[in-house]
Amino acid sequence: MSDSVNANTVLAPIATSVLTHIVRSIVDTPDAVKVESLDDEGKIILEVRVADGDLGRVIGRRGRTAQSIRAVVRAAASRDNAEVDVDFLDD
């Protein structure tokens, strides 16, 4: 799992780990999942990159899957004492 998460995981390690696990379990190409954490003025942005064909699976109908993933990751981020936002990008 560490190969898909960049070196900045110290920003929100629990949230990043939860996000990586959830997204990898949804997509058809789990090895293509990459999570990068960025600091944006005290808020941590977790950017998720997936293979081209997997973005629709992660976003879901009307964005419901993406909203659910964001809610779970925000809850996990509370264990990190961090405020996070999740962005989904295709590779």
N, C-alpha and C. Protein backbone atom coordinates (compact mmCIF):
# COMPACT_ATOMS: atom_id res chain seq x y z
N MET A 1 0.82 -1.19 0.00
CA MET A 1 0.00 0.00 0.00
C MET A 1 0.86 1.25 0.00
N SER A 2 2.04 1.21 0.59
CA SER A 2 2.87 2.40 0.69
C SER A 2 3.35 2.89 -0.67
N ASP A 3 3.38 2.02 -1.69
CA ASP A 3 3.84 2.45 -2.99
C ASP A 3 2.84 3.36 -3.69
N SER A 4 1.58 3.38 -3.26
CA SER A 4 0.58 4.21 -3.90
C SER A 4 0.33 5.52 -3.16
N VAL A 5 1.01 5.72 -2.05
CA VAL A 5 0.82 6.91 -1.24
C VAL A 5 2.13 7.66 -1.20
N ASN A 6 2.09 8.98 -1.44
CA ASN A 6 3.36 9.71 -1.50
C ASN A 6 3.94 9.95 -0.11
N ALA A 7 5.10 10.56 -0.07
CA ALA A 7 5.84 10.74 1.18
C ALA A 7 5.16 11.69 2.16
N ASN A 8 4.19 12.47 1.74
CA ASN A 8 3.55 13.43 2.62
C ASN A 8 2.44 12.83 3.46
N THR A 9 2.35 11.53 3.57
CA THR A 9 1.26 10.90 4.30
C THR A 9 1.26 11.27 5.77
N VAL A 10 2.34 11.83 6.29
CA VAL A 10 2.36 12.24 7.69
C VAL A 10 1.34 13.33 7.95
N LEU A 11 0.84 13.99 6.93
CA LEU A 11 -0.16 15.04 7.12
C LEU A 11 -1.46 14.47 7.68
N ALA A 12 -1.88 13.32 7.21
CA ALA A 12 -3.10 12.67 7.69
C ALA A 12 -2.99 11.17 7.39
N PRO A 13 -2.16 10.46 8.14
CA PRO A 13 -1.90 9.06 7.79
C PRO A 13 -3.12 8.14 7.88
N ILE A 14 -3.96 8.33 8.85
CA ILE A 14 -5.14 7.45 8.99
C ILE A 14 -6.12 7.73 7.85
N ALA A 15 -6.40 8.99 7.60
CA ALA A 15 -7.33 9.36 6.53
C ALA A 15 -6.81 8.89 5.18
N THR A 16 -5.52 9.04 4.94
CA THR A 16 -4.93 8.62 3.68
C THR A 16 -5.01 7.11 3.51
N SER A 17 -4.75 6.39 4.56
CA SER A 17 -4.82 4.93 4.51
C SER A 17 -6.25 4.45 4.25
N VAL A 18 -7.21 5.04 4.93
CA VAL A 18 -8.62 4.69 4.74
C VAL A 18 -9.05 4.99 3.31
N LEU A 19 -8.69 6.16 2.81
CA LEU A 19 -9.04 6.56 1.45
C LEU A 19 -8.45 5.59 0.43
N THR A 20 -7.19 5.27 0.58
CA THR A 20 -6.53 4.35 -0.34
C THR A 20 -7.22 2.99 -0.34
N HIS A 21 -7.53 2.49 0.83
CA HIS A 21 -8.18 1.18 0.94
C HIS A 21 -9.56 1.17 0.27
N ILE A 22 -10.36 2.20 0.53
CA ILE A 22 -11.71 2.26 -0.04
C ILE A 22 -11.65 2.33 -1.56
N VAL A 23 -10.83 3.24 -2.08
CA VAL A 23 -10.78 3.44 -3.53
C VAL A 23 -10.24 2.19 -4.22
N ARG A 24 -9.20 1.58 -3.65
CA ARG A 24 -8.65 0.36 -4.26
C ARG A 24 -9.67 -0.77 -4.31
N SER A 25 -10.59 -0.81 -3.35
CA SER A 25 -11.59 -1.87 -3.33
C SER A 25 -12.71 -1.63 -4.33
N ILE A 26 -12.85 -0.42 -4.83
CA ILE A 26 -13.93 -0.08 -5.77
C ILE A 26 -13.49 -0.22 -7.22
N VAL A 27 -12.27 0.16 -7.54
CA VAL A 27 -11.83 0.26 -8.93
C VAL A 27 -11.45 -1.09 -9.53
N ASP A 28 -11.40 -1.12 -10.86
CA ASP A 28 -10.98 -2.32 -11.58
C ASP A 28 -9.46 -2.45 -11.63
N THR A 29 -8.75 -1.32 -11.52
CA THR A 29 -7.29 -1.32 -11.59
C THR A 29 -6.73 -0.75 -10.30
N PRO A 30 -6.70 -1.53 -9.22
CA PRO A 30 -6.26 -1.01 -7.92
C PRO A 30 -4.79 -0.58 -7.89
N ASP A 31 -3.96 -1.17 -8.74
CA ASP A 31 -2.55 -0.79 -8.76
C ASP A 31 -2.33 0.61 -9.32
N ALA A 32 -3.30 1.15 -10.03
CA ALA A 32 -3.18 2.48 -10.61
C ALA A 32 -3.60 3.59 -9.65
N VAL A 33 -4.13 3.23 -8.49
CA VAL A 33 -4.60 4.23 -7.52
C VAL A 33 -3.41 4.90 -6.86
N LYS A 34 -3.42 6.23 -6.89
CA LYS A 34 -2.37 7.01 -6.24
C LYS A 34 -3.02 8.11 -5.41
N VAL A 35 -2.57 8.26 -4.17
CA VAL A 35 -3.11 9.28 -3.28
C VAL A 35 -1.97 10.22 -2.91
N GLU A 36 -2.19 11.50 -3.10
CA GLU A 36 -1.19 12.51 -2.76
C GLU A 36 -1.82 13.49 -1.78
N SER A 37 -1.09 13.83 -0.73
CA SER A 37 -1.61 14.78 0.25
C SER A 37 -0.88 16.10 0.12
N LEU A 38 -1.65 17.17 0.11
CA LEU A 38 -1.12 18.53 -0.02
C LEU A 38 -1.65 19.38 1.12
N ASP A 39 -0.83 20.28 1.61
CA ASP A 39 -1.26 21.20 2.67
C ASP A 39 -1.71 22.50 2.03
N ASP A 40 -2.94 22.90 2.30
CA ASP A 40 -3.50 24.13 1.73
C ASP A 40 -4.00 25.01 2.86
N GLU A 41 -3.09 25.80 3.42
CA GLU A 41 -3.41 26.75 4.49
C GLU A 41 -4.13 26.07 5.65
N GLY A 42 -3.55 25.00 6.17
CA GLY A 42 -4.12 24.32 7.32
C GLY A 42 -5.10 23.22 7.00
N LYS A 43 -5.59 23.18 5.78
CA LYS A 43 -6.49 22.12 5.35
C LYS A 43 -5.70 21.16 4.46
N ILE A 44 -5.90 19.89 4.65
CA ILE A 44 -5.18 18.89 3.88
C ILE A 44 -6.05 18.46 2.70
N ILE A 45 -5.48 18.54 1.52
CA ILE A 45 -6.16 18.11 0.30
C ILE A 45 -5.60 16.74 -0.06
N LEU A 46 -6.46 15.76 -0.16
CA LEU A 46 -6.06 14.43 -0.61
C LEU A 46 -6.51 14.28 -2.05
N GLU A 47 -5.54 14.21 -2.95
CA GLU A 47 -5.84 14.04 -4.37
C GLU A 47 -5.72 12.57 -4.73
N VAL A 48 -6.79 12.02 -5.27
CA VAL A 48 -6.83 10.62 -5.65
C VAL A 48 -6.78 10.54 -7.17
N ARG A 49 -5.81 9.80 -7.68
CA ARG A 49 -5.71 9.57 -9.12
C ARG A 49 -6.01 8.10 -9.39
N VAL A 50 -6.89 7.88 -10.35
CA VAL A 50 -7.26 6.52 -10.74
C VAL A 50 -7.11 6.38 -12.25
N ALA A 51 -7.14 5.16 -12.74
CA ALA A 51 -7.07 4.91 -14.18
C ALA A 51 -8.28 5.56 -14.87
N ASP A 52 -8.11 5.87 -16.15
CA ASP A 52 -9.16 6.56 -16.90
C ASP A 52 -10.53 5.92 -16.77
N GLY A 53 -10.63 4.63 -16.90
CA GLY A 53 -11.91 3.95 -16.87
C GLY A 53 -12.52 3.81 -15.49
N ASP A 54 -11.76 4.11 -14.45
CA ASP A 54 -12.25 3.90 -13.08
C ASP A 54 -12.85 5.14 -12.42
N LEU A 55 -12.68 6.29 -13.02
CA LEU A 55 -13.17 7.52 -12.39
C LEU A 55 -14.68 7.48 -12.17
N GLY A 56 -15.41 6.98 -13.14
CA GLY A 56 -16.87 6.89 -13.01
C GLY A 56 -17.30 5.99 -11.86
N ARG A 57 -16.55 4.92 -11.63
CA ARG A 57 -16.86 4.01 -10.52
C ARG A 57 -16.67 4.70 -9.19
N VAL A 58 -15.63 5.51 -9.09
CA VAL A 58 -15.33 6.19 -7.83
C VAL A 58 -16.32 7.32 -7.57
N ILE A 59 -16.72 8.01 -8.60
CA ILE A 59 -17.66 9.12 -8.42
C ILE A 59 -19.08 8.60 -8.21
N GLY A 60 -19.48 7.60 -8.98
CA GLY A 60 -20.81 7.02 -8.81
C GLY A 60 -21.91 7.86 -9.42
N ARG A 61 -23.12 7.34 -9.35
CA ARG A 61 -24.28 8.08 -9.88
C ARG A 61 -24.54 9.31 -9.05
N ARG A 62 -24.63 10.42 -9.76
CA ARG A 62 -24.89 11.72 -9.13
C ARG A 62 -23.87 12.05 -8.04
N GLY A 63 -22.71 11.43 -8.10
CA GLY A 63 -21.65 11.72 -7.14
C GLY A 63 -21.85 11.13 -5.76
N ARG A 64 -22.78 10.21 -5.64
CA ARG A 64 -23.10 9.67 -4.32
C ARG A 64 -21.95 8.85 -3.73
N THR A 65 -21.28 8.08 -4.56
CA THR A 65 -20.15 7.30 -4.05
C THR A 65 -19.04 8.23 -3.58
N ALA A 66 -18.74 9.25 -4.37
CA ALA A 66 -17.71 10.22 -3.99
C ALA A 66 -18.08 10.93 -2.69
N GLN A 67 -19.34 11.31 -2.54
CA GLN A 67 -19.78 11.97 -1.30
C GLN A 67 -19.62 11.05 -0.11
N SER A 68 -19.95 9.79 -0.29
CA SER A 68 -19.82 8.82 0.81
C SER A 68 -18.36 8.60 1.18
N ILE A 69 -17.51 8.49 0.18
CA ILE A 69 -16.07 8.34 0.45
C ILE A 69 -15.56 9.55 1.21
N ARG A 70 -15.94 10.74 0.77
CA ARG A 70 -15.50 11.97 1.46
C ARG A 70 -15.95 11.98 2.92
N ALA A 71 -17.18 11.55 3.18
CA ALA A 71 -17.70 11.54 4.56
C ALA A 71 -16.90 10.59 5.44
N VAL A 72 -16.61 9.40 4.93
CA VAL A 72 -15.84 8.43 5.72
C VAL A 72 -14.42 8.93 5.96
N VAL A 73 -13.81 9.51 4.94
CA VAL A 73 -12.43 10.00 5.08
C VAL A 73 -12.38 11.18 6.04
N ARG A 74 -13.37 12.05 6.01
CA ARG A 74 -13.40 13.17 6.98
C ARG A 74 -13.52 12.64 8.40
N ALA A 75 -14.31 11.60 8.59
CA ALA A 75 -14.43 10.99 9.92
C ALA A 75 -13.09 10.39 10.35
N ALA A 76 -12.41 9.73 9.43
CA ALA A 76 -11.10 9.15 9.75
C ALA A 76 -10.09 10.25 10.04
N ALA A 77 -10.22 11.38 9.37
CA ALA A 77 -9.29 12.50 9.58
C ALA A 77 -9.42 13.09 10.98
N SER A 78 -10.57 12.92 11.59
CA SER A 78 -10.72 13.42 12.96
C SER A 78 -9.77 12.68 13.90
N ARG A 79 -9.44 11.43 13.57
CA ARG A 79 -8.45 10.67 14.36
C ARG A 79 -7.05 11.26 14.18
N ASP A 80 -6.84 11.94 13.05
CA ASP A 80 -5.56 12.60 12.77
C ASP A 80 -5.56 14.04 13.27
N ASN A 81 -6.68 14.48 13.86
CA ASN A 81 -6.85 15.89 14.24
C ASN A 81 -6.60 16.80 13.05
N ALA A 82 -7.19 16.45 11.91
CA ALA A 82 -6.97 17.20 10.68
C ALA A 82 -8.29 17.43 9.97
N GLU A 83 -8.31 18.48 9.19
CA GLU A 83 -9.45 18.77 8.32
C GLU A 83 -9.01 18.45 6.90
N VAL A 84 -9.75 17.57 6.24
CA VAL A 84 -9.34 17.14 4.90
C VAL A 84 -10.44 17.37 3.88
N ASP A 85 -10.01 17.47 2.64
CA ASP A 85 -10.91 17.51 1.50
C ASP A 85 -10.36 16.50 0.49
N VAL A 86 -11.23 15.83 -0.23
CA VAL A 86 -10.81 14.80 -1.17
C VAL A 86 -11.18 15.23 -2.58
N ASP A 87 -10.20 15.20 -3.48
CA ASP A 87 -10.41 15.49 -4.90
C ASP A 87 -10.12 14.23 -5.69
N PHE A 88 -10.99 13.90 -6.64
CA PHE A 88 -10.81 12.73 -7.49
C PHE A 88 -10.38 13.18 -8.87
N LEU A 89 -9.28 12.61 -9.37
CA LEU A 89 -8.72 12.98 -10.67
C LEU A 89 -8.45 11.71 -11.46
N ASP A 90 -8.58 11.82 -12.80
CA ASP A 90 -8.20 10.65 -13.61
C ASP A 90 -6.77 10.83 -14.09
N ASP A 91 -6.11 9.74 -14.31
CA ASP A 91 -4.69 9.77 -14.67
C ASP A 91 -4.48 10.09 -16.12
